């Protein structure tokens, strides 16, 4: 009788242990499943706003799945081009990655840490100089257009006389001379008072040898203007590229001290760039904001913004045709 009782107790204990192991396995598997779902939720594009000592500045993040389990991506900071992320570390809803400095001072890698908070992400960034800032991010809109575009009337954004309709960000160096909008030296950027969604833009410009500028669409996407050699291999950071994202099919530049043209069509995220009569980017998607953007609110309209802080640049015509 005593032996039978011991065997029964032992059986109960073994059964209880097996149940515990089963629950432990199920719980572990549930955690794994939750982690997979959360990692999946992180994949995509995010419009980020960073708090730099009370000043809101834009950034952008894209997270991709490489193969079966590795997360990679791209990050755009306040300045510079889109930077590749070799690996995004992810664990229980929290993530982190590092990127090397680009144009910034300091010699240590940027460290970005964040977490999923429902439909948003938030976290901190430590710069190459060791400064720490908080940030928040929301999913970037797709900006897909469901109806055909109907164009309105063309508008002269530059009147050939003065800076009416424009404002400088900072101390103004821009002037109008002989009907030409001129930035004789590096200084403030210039922003149109009017804001636009989808449009066709025609600009005529001239730069000096070694100079650099750009035209920002909706104040967020830079079409590069630069003294790029004609024989240079096309790059997204050279003449007519969408800075850091889209590479033109060729360098169609005429060279310094020559009047040149861009004809740019932007519908949603889809852009076409015609440089000096040659289509160099044909209806390609702009993934996100470029360095130097005014903000990361991609779902909103925005101004035309001209870069004036990278050397002398001149414009004699700026015409926009918005949608109706």
C-alpha atoms as a PDB file:
ATOM      1  CA  UNK A   1       0.000   0.000   0.000  1.00  0.00           C
ATOM      2  CA  UNK A   2       2.786   2.410   0.961  1.00  0.00           C
ATOM      3  CA  UNK A   3       4.699   1.629  -2.251  1.00  0.00           C
ATOM      4  CA  UNK A   4       1.585   2.245  -4.356  1.00  0.00           C
ATOM      5  CA  UNK A   5       1.121   5.627  -2.637  1.00  0.00           C
ATOM      6  CA  UNK A   6       4.731   6.612  -3.373  1.00  0.00           C
ATOM      7  CA  UNK A   7       4.351   5.597  -7.034  1.00  0.00           C
ATOM      8  CA  UNK A   8       1.133   7.674  -7.294  1.00  0.00           C
ATOM      9  CA  UNK A   9       2.822  10.730  -5.728  1.00  0.00           C
ATOM     10  CA  UNK A  10       5.799  10.354  -8.014  1.00  0.00           C
ATOM     11  CA  UNK A  11       3.466  10.153 -11.018  1.00  0.00           C
ATOM     12  CA  UNK A  12       1.669  13.347  -9.944  1.00  0.00           C
ATOM     13  CA  UNK A  13       4.970  15.172  -9.499  1.00  0.00           C
ATOM     14  CA  UNK A  14       6.213  14.007 -12.902  1.00  0.00           C
ATOM     15  CA  UNK A  15       2.921  15.027 -14.514  1.00  0.00           C
ATOM     16  CA  UNK A  16       3.028  18.424 -12.798  1.00  0.00           C
ATOM     17  CA  UNK A  17       6.607  18.884 -13.999  1.00  0.00           C
ATOM     18  CA  UNK A  18       5.656  17.953 -17.543  1.00  0.00           C
ATOM     19  CA  UNK A  19       2.786  20.453 -17.439  1.00  0.00           C
ATOM     20  CA  UNK A  20       5.165  23.136 -16.175  1.00  0.00           C
ATOM     21  CA  UNK A  21       7.561  22.321 -18.976  1.00  0.00           C
ATOM     22  CA  UNK A  22       4.706  22.445 -21.453  1.00  0.00           C
ATOM     23  CA  UNK A  23       3.564  25.845 -20.176  1.00  0.00           C
ATOM     24  CA  UNK A  24       7.132  27.068 -20.225  1.00  0.00           C
ATOM     25  CA  UNK A  25       7.520  25.918 -23.822  1.00  0.00           C
ATOM     26  CA  UNK A  26       4.203  27.497 -24.847  1.00  0.00           C
ATOM     27  CA  UNK A  27       5.096  30.732 -23.037  1.00  0.00           C
ATOM     28  CA  UNK A  28       8.555  30.794 -24.673  1.00  0.00           C
ATOM     29  CA  UNK A  29       6.991  30.144 -28.056  1.00  0.00           C
ATOM     30  CA  UNK A  30       4.439  32.948 -27.433  1.00  0.00           C
ATOM     31  CA  UNK A  31       7.243  35.350 -26.607  1.00  0.00           C
ATOM     32  CA  UNK A  32       9.014  34.317 -29.813  1.00  0.00           C
ATOM     33  CA  UNK A  33       5.813  34.851 -31.792  1.00  0.00           C
ATOM     34  CA  UNK A  34       5.305  38.277 -30.190  1.00  0.00           C
ATOM     35  CA  UNK A  35       8.876  39.208 -31.072  1.00  0.00           C
ATOM     36  CA  UNK A  36       8.378  38.168 -34.697  1.00  0.00           C
ATOM     37  CA  UNK A  37       5.157  40.187 -34.930  1.00  0.00           C
ATOM     38  CA  UNK A  38       6.832  43.221 -33.357  1.00  0.00           C
ATOM     39  CA  UNK A  39       9.805  42.944 -35.709  1.00  0.00           C
ATOM     40  CA  UNK A  40       7.392  42.795 -38.617  1.00  0.00           C
ATOM     41  CA  UNK A  41       5.696  45.918 -37.281  1.00  0.00           C
ATOM     42  CA  UNK A  42       9.012  47.775 -37.376  1.00  0.00           C
ATOM     43  CA  UNK A  43       9.602  47.045 -41.057  1.00  0.00           C
ATOM     44  CA  UNK A  44       8.752  50.001 -43.277  1.00  0.00           C
ATOM     45  CA  UNK A  45       9.414  53.725 -43.531  1.00  0.00           C
ATOM     46  CA  UNK A  46       9.186  56.188 -40.670  1.00  0.00           C
ATOM     47  CA  UNK A  47       9.047  59.992 -40.639  1.00  0.00           C
ATOM     48  CA  UNK A  48      10.961  61.134 -37.563  1.00  0.00           C
ATOM     49  CA  UNK A  49      11.002  64.424 -35.656  1.00  0.00           C
ATOM     50  CA  UNK A  50      13.944  64.976 -33.339  1.00  0.00           C
ATOM     51  CA  UNK A  51      14.120  67.391 -30.429  1.00  0.00           C
ATOM     52  CA  UNK A  52      17.482  69.197 -30.503  1.00  0.00           C
ATOM     53  CA  UNK A  53      17.356  71.329 -27.374  1.00  0.00           C
ATOM     54  CA  UNK A  54      13.807  72.472 -28.063  1.00  0.00           C
ATOM     55  CA  UNK A  55      14.200  72.747 -31.831  1.00  0.00           C
ATOM     56  CA  UNK A  56      12.309  70.250 -34.008  1.00  0.00           C
ATOM     57  CA  UNK A  57      14.467  68.788 -36.776  1.00  0.00           C
ATOM     58  CA  UNK A  58      13.559  66.083 -39.297  1.00  0.00           C
ATOM     59  CA  UNK A  59      14.975  62.605 -39.836  1.00  0.00           C
ATOM     60  CA  UNK A  60      13.830  59.459 -41.600  1.00  0.00           C
ATOM     61  CA  UNK A  61      14.239  55.710 -41.140  1.00  0.00           C
ATOM     62  CA  UNK A  62      13.570  52.697 -43.325  1.00  0.00           C
ATOM     63  CA  UNK A  63      13.795  49.154 -41.929  1.00  0.00           C
ATOM     64  CA  UNK A  64      13.968  46.183 -44.314  1.00  0.00           C
ATOM     65  CA  UNK A  65      14.085  42.417 -43.926  1.00  0.00           C
ATOM     66  CA  UNK A  66      17.217  40.921 -45.473  1.00  0.00           C
ATOM     67  CA  UNK A  67      16.805  37.183 -45.985  1.00  0.00           C
ATOM     68  CA  UNK A  68      14.908  35.286 -43.290  1.00  0.00           C
ATOM     69  CA  UNK A  69      15.781  37.137 -40.097  1.00  0.00           C
ATOM     70  CA  UNK A  70      18.229  40.039 -40.485  1.00  0.00           C
ATOM     71  CA  UNK A  71      16.889  43.585 -40.317  1.00  0.00           C
ATOM     72  CA  UNK A  72      18.772  46.247 -42.289  1.00  0.00           C
ATOM     73  CA  UNK A  73      17.816  49.705 -43.523  1.00  0.00           C
ATOM     74  CA  UNK A  74      18.597  53.339 -44.251  1.00  0.00           C
ATOM     75  CA  UNK A  75      18.694  56.438 -42.090  1.00  0.00           C
ATOM     76  CA  UNK A  76      18.570  60.121 -43.034  1.00  0.00           C
ATOM     77  CA  UNK A  77      19.740  62.642 -40.472  1.00  0.00           C
ATOM     78  CA  UNK A  78      19.509  66.403 -40.310  1.00  0.00           C
ATOM     79  CA  UNK A  79      22.218  66.673 -42.961  1.00  0.00           C
ATOM     80  CA  UNK A  80      23.920  64.437 -45.494  1.00  0.00           C
ATOM     81  CA  UNK A  81      22.566  61.632 -47.630  1.00  0.00           C
ATOM     82  CA  UNK A  82      20.720  58.417 -46.828  1.00  0.00           C
ATOM     83  CA  UNK A  83      23.098  56.162 -44.873  1.00  0.00           C
ATOM     84  CA  UNK A  84      22.914  52.365 -45.021  1.00  0.00           C
ATOM     85  CA  UNK A  85      22.327  50.425 -41.808  1.00  0.00           C
ATOM     86  CA  UNK A  86      24.193  47.108 -41.805  1.00  0.00           C
ATOM     87  CA  UNK A  87      22.030  45.599 -39.076  1.00  0.00           C
ATOM     88  CA  UNK A  88      19.125  46.681 -36.908  1.00  0.00           C
ATOM     89  CA  UNK A  89      19.244  44.839 -33.582  1.00  0.00           C
ATOM     90  CA  UNK A  90      15.773  43.930 -32.293  1.00  0.00           C
ATOM     91  CA  UNK A  91      14.605  42.400 -29.019  1.00  0.00           C
ATOM     92  CA  UNK A  92      11.141  42.448 -27.407  1.00  0.00           C
ATOM     93  CA  UNK A  93       9.947  45.598 -29.145  1.00  0.00           C
ATOM     94  CA  UNK A  94      13.179  47.552 -28.708  1.00  0.00           C
ATOM     95  CA  UNK A  95      15.731  48.178 -31.445  1.00  0.00           C
ATOM     96  CA  UNK A  96      19.117  49.802 -31.973  1.00  0.00           C
ATOM     97  CA  UNK A  97      21.714  50.415 -34.674  1.00  0.00           C
ATOM     98  CA  UNK A  98      24.810  52.488 -35.376  1.00  0.00           C
ATOM     99  CA  UNK A  99      25.931  54.526 -38.385  1.00  0.00           C
ATOM    100  CA  UNK A 100      29.258  56.282 -39.016  1.00  0.00           C
ATOM    101  CA  UNK A 101      29.462  60.084 -39.193  1.00  0.00           C
ATOM    102  CA  UNK A 102      29.302  61.660 -42.641  1.00  0.00           C
ATOM    103  CA  UNK A 103      29.666  65.461 -42.773  1.00  0.00           C
ATOM    104  CA  UNK A 104      29.410  65.916 -39.025  1.00  0.00           C
ATOM    105  CA  UNK A 105      32.285  66.636 -36.665  1.00  0.00           C
ATOM    106  CA  UNK A 106      33.232  64.046 -34.078  1.00  0.00           C
ATOM    107  CA  UNK A 107      34.718  60.637 -34.728  1.00  0.00           C
ATOM    108  CA  UNK A 108      32.399  58.209 -32.953  1.00  0.00           C
ATOM    109  CA  UNK A 109      29.491  56.378 -34.550  1.00  0.00           C
ATOM    110  CA  UNK A 110      25.953  57.633 -34.134  1.00  0.00           C
ATOM    111  CA  UNK A 111      23.966  55.371 -31.809  1.00  0.00           C
ATOM    112  CA  UNK A 112      20.221  55.178 -32.352  1.00  0.00           C
ATOM    113  CA  UNK A 113      17.976  53.347 -29.899  1.00  0.00           C
ATOM    114  CA  UNK A 114      14.203  53.069 -30.048  1.00  0.00           C
ATOM    115  CA  UNK A 115      11.091  51.093 -29.282  1.00  0.00           C
ATOM    116  CA  UNK A 116       7.702  50.400 -30.790  1.00  0.00           C
ATOM    117  CA  UNK A 117       4.891  52.185 -28.957  1.00  0.00           C
ATOM    118  CA  UNK A 118       1.741  51.045 -30.704  1.00  0.00           C
ATOM    119  CA  UNK A 119       1.614  52.587 -34.181  1.00  0.00           C
ATOM    120  CA  UNK A 120       4.592  54.861 -33.460  1.00  0.00           C
ATOM    121  CA  UNK A 121       8.263  54.584 -32.568  1.00  0.00           C
ATOM    122  CA  UNK A 122      10.331  56.680 -30.186  1.00  0.00           C
ATOM    123  CA  UNK A 123      13.838  56.740 -28.802  1.00  0.00           C
ATOM    124  CA  UNK A 124      17.138  58.557 -28.553  1.00  0.00           C
ATOM    125  CA  UNK A 125      20.085  59.411 -30.797  1.00  0.00           C
ATOM    126  CA  UNK A 126      23.637  59.988 -29.618  1.00  0.00           C
ATOM    127  CA  UNK A 127      25.657  62.004 -32.145  1.00  0.00           C
ATOM    128  CA  UNK A 128      29.264  61.594 -33.228  1.00  0.00           C
ATOM    129  CA  UNK A 129      30.075  64.338 -30.700  1.00  0.00           C
ATOM    130  CA  UNK A 130      28.311  62.542 -27.841  1.00  0.00           C
ATOM    131  CA  UNK A 131      25.205  64.748 -27.743  1.00  0.00           C
ATOM    132  CA  UNK A 132      21.956  62.979 -26.943  1.00  0.00           C
ATOM    133  CA  UNK A 133      18.542  63.866 -28.388  1.00  0.00           C
ATOM    134  CA  UNK A 134      15.074  62.356 -28.091  1.00  0.00           C
ATOM    135  CA  UNK A 135      12.925  61.612 -31.134  1.00  0.00           C
ATOM    136  CA  UNK A 136       9.520  60.293 -32.175  1.00  0.00           C
ATOM    137  CA  UNK A 137       8.433  58.733 -35.451  1.00  0.00           C
ATOM    138  CA  UNK A 138       5.248  57.927 -37.355  1.00  0.00           C
ATOM    139  CA  UNK A 139       4.724  55.750 -40.406  1.00  0.00           C
ATOM    140  CA  UNK A 140       5.501  57.568 -43.628  1.00  0.00           C
ATOM    141  CA  UNK A 141       2.480  57.928 -45.953  1.00  0.00           C
ATOM    142  CA  UNK A 142       2.429  56.039 -49.263  1.00  0.00           C
ATOM    143  CA  UNK A 143       1.317  59.155 -51.201  1.00  0.00           C
ATOM    144  CA  UNK A 144      -0.281  57.053 -53.914  1.00  0.00           C
ATOM    145  CA  UNK A 145      -2.600  59.005 -56.215  1.00  0.00           C
ATOM    146  CA  UNK A 146      -5.864  57.303 -57.162  1.00  0.00           C
ATOM    147  CA  UNK A 147      -7.023  59.758 -59.839  1.00  0.00           C
ATOM    148  CA  UNK A 148      -5.379  61.132 -62.949  1.00  0.00           C
ATOM    149  CA  UNK A 149      -3.585  64.448 -62.571  1.00  0.00           C
ATOM    150  CA  UNK A 150      -5.138  67.581 -64.034  1.00  0.00           C
ATOM    151  CA  UNK A 151      -2.791  70.530 -64.296  1.00  0.00           C
ATOM    152  CA  UNK A 152      -3.662  74.100 -63.408  1.00  0.00           C
ATOM    153  CA  UNK A 153      -2.151  77.333 -64.682  1.00  0.00           C
ATOM    154  CA  UNK A 154       1.570  78.022 -64.632  1.00  0.00           C
ATOM    155  CA  UNK A 155       2.758  80.427 -61.929  1.00  0.00           C
ATOM    156  CA  UNK A 156       5.922  82.562 -62.085  1.00  0.00           C
ATOM    157  CA  UNK A 157       7.465  82.107 -58.635  1.00  0.00           C
ATOM    158  CA  UNK A 158      10.269  84.559 -59.440  1.00  0.00           C
ATOM    159  CA  UNK A 159       9.082  87.877 -60.886  1.00  0.00           C
ATOM    160  CA  UNK A 160      12.508  88.992 -62.180  1.00  0.00           C
ATOM    161  CA  UNK A 161      12.393  92.162 -60.065  1.00  0.00           C
ATOM    162  CA  UNK A 162      12.702  91.381 -56.359  1.00  0.00           C
ATOM    163  CA  UNK A 163      12.299  88.725 -53.679  1.00  0.00           C
ATOM    164  CA  UNK A 164       8.529  89.057 -53.444  1.00  0.00           C
ATOM    165  CA  UNK A 165       7.026  85.666 -52.568  1.00  0.00           C
ATOM    166  CA  UNK A 166      10.240  84.394 -50.987  1.00  0.00           C
ATOM    167  CA  UNK A 167      11.894  84.499 -47.582  1.00  0.00           C
ATOM    168  CA  UNK A 168      15.435  83.714 -46.487  1.00  0.00           C
ATOM    169  CA  UNK A 169      16.221  81.308 -43.659  1.00  0.00           C
ATOM    170  CA  UNK A 170      18.773  83.379 -41.785  1.00  0.00           C
ATOM    171  CA  UNK A 171      20.710  86.486 -42.802  1.00  0.00           C
ATOM    172  CA  UNK A 172      19.794  87.173 -46.428  1.00  0.00           C
ATOM    173  CA  UNK A 173      22.487  87.351 -49.117  1.00  0.00           C
ATOM    174  CA  UNK A 174      20.092  86.858 -52.061  1.00  0.00           C
ATOM    175  CA  UNK A 175      19.577  89.770 -54.468  1.00  0.00           C
ATOM    176  CA  UNK A 176      18.071  90.431 -57.879  1.00  0.00           C
ATOM    177  CA  UNK A 177      20.435  91.870 -60.480  1.00  0.00           C
ATOM    178  CA  UNK A 178      19.528  92.388 -64.155  1.00  0.00           C
ATOM    179  CA  UNK A 179      16.523  90.121 -63.786  1.00  0.00           C
ATOM    180  CA  UNK A 180      18.544  87.295 -62.216  1.00  0.00           C
ATOM    181  CA  UNK A 181      18.025  85.884 -58.719  1.00  0.00           C
ATOM    182  CA  UNK A 182      21.543  85.670 -57.327  1.00  0.00           C
ATOM    183  CA  UNK A 183      23.258  84.257 -54.279  1.00  0.00           C
ATOM    184  CA  UNK A 184      26.795  85.695 -54.681  1.00  0.00           C
ATOM    185  CA  UNK A 185      28.236  83.685 -51.806  1.00  0.00           C
ATOM    186  CA  UNK A 186      27.255  81.002 -49.309  1.00  0.00           C
ATOM    187  CA  UNK A 187      24.540  82.105 -46.907  1.00  0.00           C
ATOM    188  CA  UNK A 188      20.848  81.574 -46.275  1.00  0.00           C
ATOM    189  CA  UNK A 189      18.541  79.203 -48.108  1.00  0.00           C
ATOM    190  CA  UNK A 190      15.503  80.680 -49.871  1.00  0.00           C
ATOM    191  CA  UNK A 191      11.933  79.407 -49.410  1.00  0.00           C
ATOM    192  CA  UNK A 192       8.777  80.217 -51.367  1.00  0.00           C
ATOM    193  CA  UNK A 193       5.789  81.599 -49.471  1.00  0.00           C
ATOM    194  CA  UNK A 194       3.441  79.361 -51.440  1.00  0.00           C
ATOM    195  CA  UNK A 195       3.131  75.654 -50.733  1.00  0.00           C
ATOM    196  CA  UNK A 196       2.335  72.888 -53.189  1.00  0.00           C
ATOM    197  CA  UNK A 197       1.440  69.192 -53.360  1.00  0.00           C
ATOM    198  CA  UNK A 198       1.859  67.837 -56.900  1.00  0.00           C
ATOM    199  CA  UNK A 199       3.330  69.986 -59.659  1.00  0.00           C
ATOM    200  CA  UNK A 200       5.541  70.498 -62.674  1.00  0.00           C
ATOM    201  CA  UNK A 201       8.525  72.778 -62.012  1.00  0.00           C
ATOM    202  CA  UNK A 202      10.745  74.542 -64.554  1.00  0.00           C
ATOM    203  CA  UNK A 203      13.958  76.205 -63.341  1.00  0.00           C
ATOM    204  CA  UNK A 204      16.788  77.869 -65.223  1.00  0.00           C
ATOM    205  CA  UNK A 205      20.036  78.176 -63.276  1.00  0.00           C
ATOM    206  CA  UNK A 206      23.753  78.834 -63.555  1.00  0.00           C
ATOM    207  CA  UNK A 207      26.570  77.932 -61.176  1.00  0.00           C
ATOM    208  CA  UNK A 208      30.249  78.772 -60.947  1.00  0.00           C
ATOM    209  CA  UNK A 209      33.076  76.250 -61.110  1.00  0.00           C
ATOM    210  CA  UNK A 210      33.040  74.062 -58.008  1.00  0.00           C
ATOM    211  CA  UNK A 211      29.735  75.426 -56.721  1.00  0.00           C
ATOM    212  CA  UNK A 212      26.842  73.457 -55.290  1.00  0.00           C
ATOM    213  CA  UNK A 213      23.136  74.072 -54.732  1.00  0.00           C
ATOM    214  CA  UNK A 214      19.835  72.254 -54.960  1.00  0.00           C
ATOM    215  CA  UNK A 215      16.093  72.628 -55.404  1.00  0.00           C
ATOM    216  CA  UNK A 216      13.925  71.049 -52.697  1.00  0.00           C
ATOM    217  CA  UNK A 217      10.502  69.775 -53.753  1.00  0.00           C
ATOM    218  CA  UNK A 218       7.838  70.411 -51.093  1.00  0.00           C
ATOM    219  CA  UNK A 219      10.799  71.536 -49.006  1.00  0.00           C
ATOM    220  CA  UNK A 220      11.763  67.877 -48.414  1.00  0.00           C
ATOM    221  CA  UNK A 221      13.308  66.257 -51.501  1.00  0.00           C
ATOM    222  CA  UNK A 222      16.473  67.765 -52.966  1.00  0.00           C
ATOM    223  CA  UNK A 223      17.237  67.679 -56.673  1.00  0.00           C
ATOM    224  CA  UNK A 224      20.999  68.197 -56.695  1.00  0.00           C
ATOM    225  CA  UNK A 225      22.613  71.109 -58.557  1.00  0.00           C
ATOM    226  CA  UNK A 226      26.378  70.664 -58.625  1.00  0.00           C
ATOM    227  CA  UNK A 227      29.388  71.254 -60.809  1.00  0.00           C
ATOM    228  CA  UNK A 228      29.704  67.552 -61.666  1.00  0.00           C
ATOM    229  CA  UNK A 229      32.108  66.487 -64.462  1.00  0.00           C
ATOM    230  CA  UNK A 230      30.309  65.145 -67.541  1.00  0.00           C
ATOM    231  CA  UNK A 231      32.511  62.049 -67.511  1.00  0.00           C
ATOM    232  CA  UNK A 232      31.682  61.261 -63.866  1.00  0.00           C
ATOM    233  CA  UNK A 233      29.844  58.040 -63.166  1.00  0.00           C
ATOM    234  CA  UNK A 234      26.214  58.996 -62.380  1.00  0.00           C
ATOM    235  CA  UNK A 235      25.444  59.164 -58.677  1.00  0.00           C
ATOM    236  CA  UNK A 236      22.516  60.218 -56.520  1.00  0.00           C
ATOM    237  CA  UNK A 237      24.690  62.939 -54.957  1.00  0.00           C
ATOM    238  CA  UNK A 238      25.787  64.433 -58.288  1.00  0.00           C
ATOM    239  CA  UNK A 239      24.071  66.660 -60.870  1.00  0.00           C
ATOM    240  CA  UNK A 240      20.306  65.987 -61.213  1.00  0.00           C
ATOM    241  CA  UNK A 241      20.212  63.192 -58.620  1.00  0.00           C
ATOM    242  CA  UNK A 242      17.590  63.043 -55.880  1.00  0.00           C
ATOM    243  CA  UNK A 243      20.156  63.473 -53.144  1.00  0.00           C
ATOM    244  CA  UNK A 244      21.173  60.148 -51.645  1.00  0.00           C
ATOM    245  CA  UNK A 245      18.284  58.215 -53.202  1.00  0.00           C
ATOM    246  CA  UNK A 246      17.816  58.319 -56.991  1.00  0.00           C
ATOM    247  CA  UNK A 247      20.654  58.193 -59.517  1.00  0.00           C
ATOM    248  CA  UNK A 248      20.262  59.890 -62.918  1.00  0.00           C
ATOM    249  CA  UNK A 249      20.874  57.814 -66.040  1.00  0.00           C
ATOM    250  CA  UNK A 250      23.649  60.199 -67.095  1.00  0.00           C
ATOM    251  CA  UNK A 251      25.360  63.438 -66.123  1.00  0.00           C
ATOM    252  CA  UNK A 252      23.629  65.817 -68.530  1.00  0.00           C
ATOM    253  CA  UNK A 253      25.329  68.927 -67.126  1.00  0.00           C
ATOM    254  CA  UNK A 254      26.584  71.654 -69.475  1.00  0.00           C
ATOM    255  CA  UNK A 255      29.285  72.784 -67.063  1.00  0.00           C
ATOM    256  CA  UNK A 256      29.911  75.934 -65.013  1.00  0.00           C
ATOM    257  CA  UNK A 257      28.924  79.431 -66.155  1.00  0.00           C
ATOM    258  CA  UNK A 258      26.263  78.031 -68.516  1.00  0.00           C
ATOM    259  CA  UNK A 259      22.515  78.525 -68.235  1.00  0.00           C
ATOM    260  CA  UNK A 260      20.900  75.126 -67.657  1.00  0.00           C
ATOM    261  CA  UNK A 261      17.397  73.790 -67.091  1.00  0.00           C
ATOM    262  CA  UNK A 262      15.525  71.299 -64.962  1.00  0.00           C
ATOM    263  CA  UNK A 263      11.971  70.241 -65.730  1.00  0.00           C
ATOM    264  CA  UNK A 264      10.713  68.281 -62.754  1.00  0.00           C
ATOM    265  CA  UNK A 265       7.367  66.535 -62.315  1.00  0.00           C
ATOM    266  CA  UNK A 266       6.336  65.374 -58.847  1.00  0.00           C
ATOM    267  CA  UNK A 267       3.134  63.396 -58.284  1.00  0.00           C
ATOM    268  CA  UNK A 268       2.891  61.768 -54.867  1.00  0.00           C
ATOM    269  CA  UNK A 269       6.333  60.194 -54.440  1.00  0.00           C
ATOM    270  CA  UNK A 270       6.872  59.674 -58.161  1.00  0.00           C
ATOM    271  CA  UNK A 271       9.357  62.033 -59.772  1.00  0.00           C
ATOM    272  CA  UNK A 272      10.615  62.671 -63.281  1.00  0.00           C
ATOM    273  CA  UNK A 273      13.666  64.877 -63.878  1.00  0.00           C
ATOM    274  CA  UNK A 274      14.553  66.263 -67.300  1.00  0.00           C
ATOM    275  CA  UNK A 275      17.981  67.916 -67.269  1.00  0.00           C
ATOM    276  CA  UNK A 276      18.832  70.141 -70.219  1.00  0.00           C
ATOM    277  CA  UNK A 277      16.259  68.363 -72.361  1.00  0.00           C
ATOM    278  CA  UNK A 278      17.299  64.810 -71.379  1.00  0.00           C
ATOM    279  CA  UNK A 279      15.123  62.598 -69.175  1.00  0.00           C
ATOM    280  CA  UNK A 280      17.563  61.331 -66.547  1.00  0.00           C
ATOM    281  CA  UNK A 281      15.054  60.098 -63.934  1.00  0.00           C
ATOM    282  CA  UNK A 282      11.771  58.694 -65.251  1.00  0.00           C
ATOM    283  CA  UNK A 283       8.809  58.319 -62.879  1.00  0.00           C
ATOM    284  CA  UNK A 284      10.815  56.899 -59.971  1.00  0.00           C
ATOM    285  CA  UNK A 285       9.713  56.724 -56.333  1.00  0.00           C
ATOM    286  CA  UNK A 286      11.394  58.999 -53.785  1.00  0.00           C
ATOM    287  CA  UNK A 287      11.608  56.822 -50.633  1.00  0.00           C
ATOM    288  CA  UNK A 288      11.826  59.622 -48.069  1.00  0.00           C
ATOM    289  CA  UNK A 289      13.095  63.042 -47.116  1.00  0.00           C
ATOM    290  CA  UNK A 290      16.649  64.036 -48.003  1.00  0.00           C
ATOM    291  CA  UNK A 291      19.179  65.714 -45.719  1.00  0.00           C
ATOM    292  CA  UNK A 292      18.457  69.395 -45.199  1.00  0.00           C
ATOM    293  CA  UNK A 293      14.665  68.979 -45.413  1.00  0.00           C
ATOM    294  CA  UNK A 294      12.522  71.564 -43.653  1.00  0.00           C
ATOM    295  CA  UNK A 295      10.466  68.889 -41.899  1.00  0.00           C
ATOM    296  CA  UNK A 296       9.435  65.244 -42.155  1.00  0.00           C
ATOM    297  CA  UNK A 297       5.683  65.815 -42.545  1.00  0.00           C
ATOM    298  CA  UNK A 298       5.513  64.032 -45.889  1.00  0.00           C
ATOM    299  CA  UNK A 299       1.729  63.974 -46.077  1.00  0.00           C
ATOM    300  CA  UNK A 300       1.549  67.769 -46.181  1.00  0.00           C
ATOM    301  CA  UNK A 301       2.098  70.295 -48.960  1.00  0.00           C
ATOM    302  CA  UNK A 302       5.372  72.211 -48.913  1.00  0.00           C
ATOM    303  CA  UNK A 303       7.285  75.098 -50.505  1.00  0.00           C
ATOM    304  CA  UNK A 304       9.949  75.251 -53.169  1.00  0.00           C
ATOM    305  CA  UNK A 305      13.216  75.730 -51.340  1.00  0.00           C
ATOM    306  CA  UNK A 306      16.524  76.729 -52.926  1.00  0.00           C
ATOM    307  CA  UNK A 307      19.849  75.910 -51.317  1.00  0.00           C
ATOM    308  CA  UNK A 308      22.091  78.926 -50.903  1.00  0.00           C
ATOM    309  CA  UNK A 309      24.604  77.737 -48.319  1.00  0.00           C
ATOM    310  CA  UNK A 310      26.989  75.813 -50.604  1.00  0.00           C
ATOM    311  CA  UNK A 311      28.410  78.459 -52.913  1.00  0.00           C
ATOM    312  CA  UNK A 312      27.275  80.994 -55.552  1.00  0.00           C
ATOM    313  CA  UNK A 313      24.171  80.168 -57.592  1.00  0.00           C
ATOM    314  CA  UNK A 314      21.888  82.076 -59.985  1.00  0.00           C
ATOM    315  CA  UNK A 315      18.315  81.555 -61.196  1.00  0.00           C
ATOM    316  CA  UNK A 316      16.613  83.484 -63.971  1.00  0.00           C
ATOM    317  CA  UNK A 317      13.346  81.536 -64.189  1.00  0.00           C
ATOM    318  CA  UNK A 318      11.301  79.549 -61.677  1.00  0.00           C
ATOM    319  CA  UNK A 319       7.885  78.481 -62.976  1.00  0.00           C
ATOM    320  CA  UNK A 320       5.529  76.030 -61.313  1.00  0.00           C
ATOM    321  CA  UNK A 321       2.395  74.396 -62.681  1.00  0.00           C
ATOM    322  CA  UNK A 322       0.387  72.934 -59.784  1.00  0.00           C
ATOM    323  CA  UNK A 323      -2.459  70.454 -59.983  1.00  0.00           C
ATOM    324  CA  UNK A 324      -5.966  71.871 -60.091  1.00  0.00           C
END
